[in-house]
Every structure is written in structure tokens, then in C-alpha cells.
């Protein structure tokens, strides 16, 4: 039996993104500011900025707008959206 083809989510987000990077990207895609992301995830704003910078490099974008434009909150699997700490859209 052939393996399932990769989902759009898997094609957009490389496997090398860890869970925290995915959480930050999810919240960023919802339009949250770094300070808001930090409060939701229990991180300092500086730590969130570090994650955002990592995402720039990994996903080969040069600014926050490009990064947020790569995905929408609906691109994330339902099980991720349910467990991610985020206000409802």
C-alpha cells in the first residue's frame, strides 16, 4: 500500500519546524503581535522574536508579512488548531 501523499500543511511547513516554531507561526498567521504570542505561550517577547527570525531563515522569507502570507490558520490540521493556545478567530 502506497503512503498517503503529503498534505498541503506538510508541503508548506517543512518537517524541520519544531512544535514551538509551528505554534508561533500559527499565532502569527492569526495576526497576533509578538507580545501577544509571548503571553499565550509563556515566552518573553524577545524569545518570540527569536522564533520569528528562525522562521524567516527556515522558510526563506525576509519579513513578517511574507511569513504570515505563507499560511493561514486554516492550513493547520484541526488537531493542531484545537491544541494550540490561541484565541478564536
C-alpha atoms as a PDB file:
ATOM      1  CA  UNK A   1       0.000   0.000   0.000  1.00  0.00           C
ATOM      2  CA  UNK A   2       1.428   3.377  -1.010  1.00  0.00           C
ATOM      3  CA  UNK A   3       1.906   6.013   1.699  1.00  0.00           C
ATOM      4  CA  UNK A   4      -0.532   8.914   1.779  1.00  0.00           C
ATOM      5  CA  UNK A   5       0.626  11.914  -0.245  1.00  0.00           C
ATOM      6  CA  UNK A   6       1.803  14.843   1.858  1.00  0.00           C
ATOM      7  CA  UNK A   7      -0.887  17.297   2.890  1.00  0.00           C
ATOM      8  CA  UNK A   8      -0.746  20.972   1.939  1.00  0.00           C
ATOM      9  CA  UNK A   9       0.274  21.626   5.530  1.00  0.00           C
ATOM     10  CA  UNK A  10       3.215  19.244   5.281  1.00  0.00           C
ATOM     11  CA  UNK A  11       4.288  20.734   1.965  1.00  0.00           C
ATOM     12  CA  UNK A  12       4.141  24.296   3.305  1.00  0.00           C
ATOM     13  CA  UNK A  13       5.795  23.569   6.646  1.00  0.00           C
ATOM     14  CA  UNK A  14       8.985  21.560   6.489  1.00  0.00           C
ATOM     15  CA  UNK A  15       9.453  18.764   8.971  1.00  0.00           C
ATOM     16  CA  UNK A  16      12.366  20.680  10.421  1.00  0.00           C
ATOM     17  CA  UNK A  17       9.973  23.090  12.164  1.00  0.00           C
ATOM     18  CA  UNK A  18       9.634  22.086  15.775  1.00  0.00           C
ATOM     19  CA  UNK A  19       6.379  22.272  17.697  1.00  0.00           C
ATOM     20  CA  UNK A  20       7.130  25.679  19.226  1.00  0.00           C
ATOM     21  CA  UNK A  21       8.016  27.165  15.829  1.00  0.00           C
ATOM     22  CA  UNK A  22       4.722  25.841  14.455  1.00  0.00           C
ATOM     23  CA  UNK A  23       2.842  27.351  17.399  1.00  0.00           C
ATOM     24  CA  UNK A  24       4.476  30.722  16.813  1.00  0.00           C
ATOM     25  CA  UNK A  25       3.738  30.540  13.096  1.00  0.00           C
ATOM     26  CA  UNK A  26       0.115  29.567  13.772  1.00  0.00           C
ATOM     27  CA  UNK A  27      -0.390  32.519  16.115  1.00  0.00           C
ATOM     28  CA  UNK A  28       1.425  34.860  13.742  1.00  0.00           C
ATOM     29  CA  UNK A  29      -0.866  33.695  10.932  1.00  0.00           C
ATOM     30  CA  UNK A  30      -3.805  34.734  13.122  1.00  0.00           C
ATOM     31  CA  UNK A  31      -2.378  38.260  13.177  1.00  0.00           C
ATOM     32  CA  UNK A  32      -1.085  38.302  16.741  1.00  0.00           C
ATOM     33  CA  UNK A  33       1.785  40.559  17.774  1.00  0.00           C
ATOM     34  CA  UNK A  34       4.961  39.157  19.323  1.00  0.00           C
ATOM     35  CA  UNK A  35       3.916  40.375  22.759  1.00  0.00           C
ATOM     36  CA  UNK A  36       0.536  38.626  22.427  1.00  0.00           C
ATOM     37  CA  UNK A  37       2.175  35.420  21.225  1.00  0.00           C
ATOM     38  CA  UNK A  38       4.554  35.561  24.159  1.00  0.00           C
ATOM     39  CA  UNK A  39       1.743  35.915  26.684  1.00  0.00           C
ATOM     40  CA  UNK A  40      -0.178  32.988  25.200  1.00  0.00           C
ATOM     41  CA  UNK A  41       2.844  30.694  25.080  1.00  0.00           C
ATOM     42  CA  UNK A  42       4.513  31.843  28.299  1.00  0.00           C
ATOM     43  CA  UNK A  43       7.511  33.282  26.452  1.00  0.00           C
ATOM     44  CA  UNK A  44       9.242  36.641  26.542  1.00  0.00           C
ATOM     45  CA  UNK A  45       8.776  38.916  23.559  1.00  0.00           C
ATOM     46  CA  UNK A  46      12.498  38.538  22.881  1.00  0.00           C
ATOM     47  CA  UNK A  47      12.136  34.756  22.672  1.00  0.00           C
ATOM     48  CA  UNK A  48       9.212  35.104  20.275  1.00  0.00           C
ATOM     49  CA  UNK A  49      11.306  37.436  18.106  1.00  0.00           C
ATOM     50  CA  UNK A  50      13.988  34.758  18.053  1.00  0.00           C
ATOM     51  CA  UNK A  51      11.470  32.161  16.860  1.00  0.00           C
ATOM     52  CA  UNK A  52      10.193  34.541  14.189  1.00  0.00           C
ATOM     53  CA  UNK A  53      13.778  35.103  12.992  1.00  0.00           C
ATOM     54  CA  UNK A  54      14.321  31.341  12.854  1.00  0.00           C
ATOM     55  CA  UNK A  55      11.168  31.004  10.772  1.00  0.00           C
ATOM     56  CA  UNK A  56      12.441  33.687   8.345  1.00  0.00           C
ATOM     57  CA  UNK A  57      15.549  31.605   7.728  1.00  0.00           C
ATOM     58  CA  UNK A  58      13.893  28.199   7.571  1.00  0.00           C
ATOM     59  CA  UNK A  59      11.058  29.311   5.292  1.00  0.00           C
ATOM     60  CA  UNK A  60      13.241  31.650   3.217  1.00  0.00           C
ATOM     61  CA  UNK A  61      11.269  34.852   3.725  1.00  0.00           C
ATOM     62  CA  UNK A  62      12.542  38.304   4.574  1.00  0.00           C
ATOM     63  CA  UNK A  63       9.715  39.864   6.544  1.00  0.00           C
ATOM     64  CA  UNK A  64       6.755  39.155   8.783  1.00  0.00           C
ATOM     65  CA  UNK A  65       4.202  39.843   6.052  1.00  0.00           C
ATOM     66  CA  UNK A  66       5.743  37.213   3.769  1.00  0.00           C
ATOM     67  CA  UNK A  67       5.886  34.780   6.660  1.00  0.00           C
ATOM     68  CA  UNK A  68       2.249  35.302   7.613  1.00  0.00           C
ATOM     69  CA  UNK A  69       1.267  35.064   3.950  1.00  0.00           C
ATOM     70  CA  UNK A  70       2.673  31.542   3.620  1.00  0.00           C
ATOM     71  CA  UNK A  71      -0.099  30.001   5.679  1.00  0.00           C
ATOM     72  CA  UNK A  72      -3.493  30.757   7.098  1.00  0.00           C
ATOM     73  CA  UNK A  73      -4.770  29.378  10.392  1.00  0.00           C
ATOM     74  CA  UNK A  74      -6.945  27.007   8.351  1.00  0.00           C
ATOM     75  CA  UNK A  75      -3.822  25.422   6.806  1.00  0.00           C
ATOM     76  CA  UNK A  76      -3.009  23.846  10.159  1.00  0.00           C
ATOM     77  CA  UNK A  77      -4.514  20.429  10.874  1.00  0.00           C
ATOM     78  CA  UNK A  78      -7.634  20.507  13.052  1.00  0.00           C
ATOM     79  CA  UNK A  79      -5.898  18.629  15.857  1.00  0.00           C
ATOM     80  CA  UNK A  80      -3.180  21.310  15.941  1.00  0.00           C
ATOM     81  CA  UNK A  81      -5.676  24.174  15.943  1.00  0.00           C
ATOM     82  CA  UNK A  82      -7.566  22.553  18.801  1.00  0.00           C
ATOM     83  CA  UNK A  83      -4.482  22.155  20.962  1.00  0.00           C
ATOM     84  CA  UNK A  84      -2.682  25.415  20.100  1.00  0.00           C
ATOM     85  CA  UNK A  85      -3.132  28.088  22.694  1.00  0.00           C
ATOM     86  CA  UNK A  86      -4.855  30.814  20.725  1.00  0.00           C
ATOM     87  CA  UNK A  87      -7.921  32.979  20.877  1.00  0.00           C
ATOM     88  CA  UNK A  88     -10.647  32.044  18.448  1.00  0.00           C
ATOM     89  CA  UNK A  89     -10.585  33.868  15.121  1.00  0.00           C
END
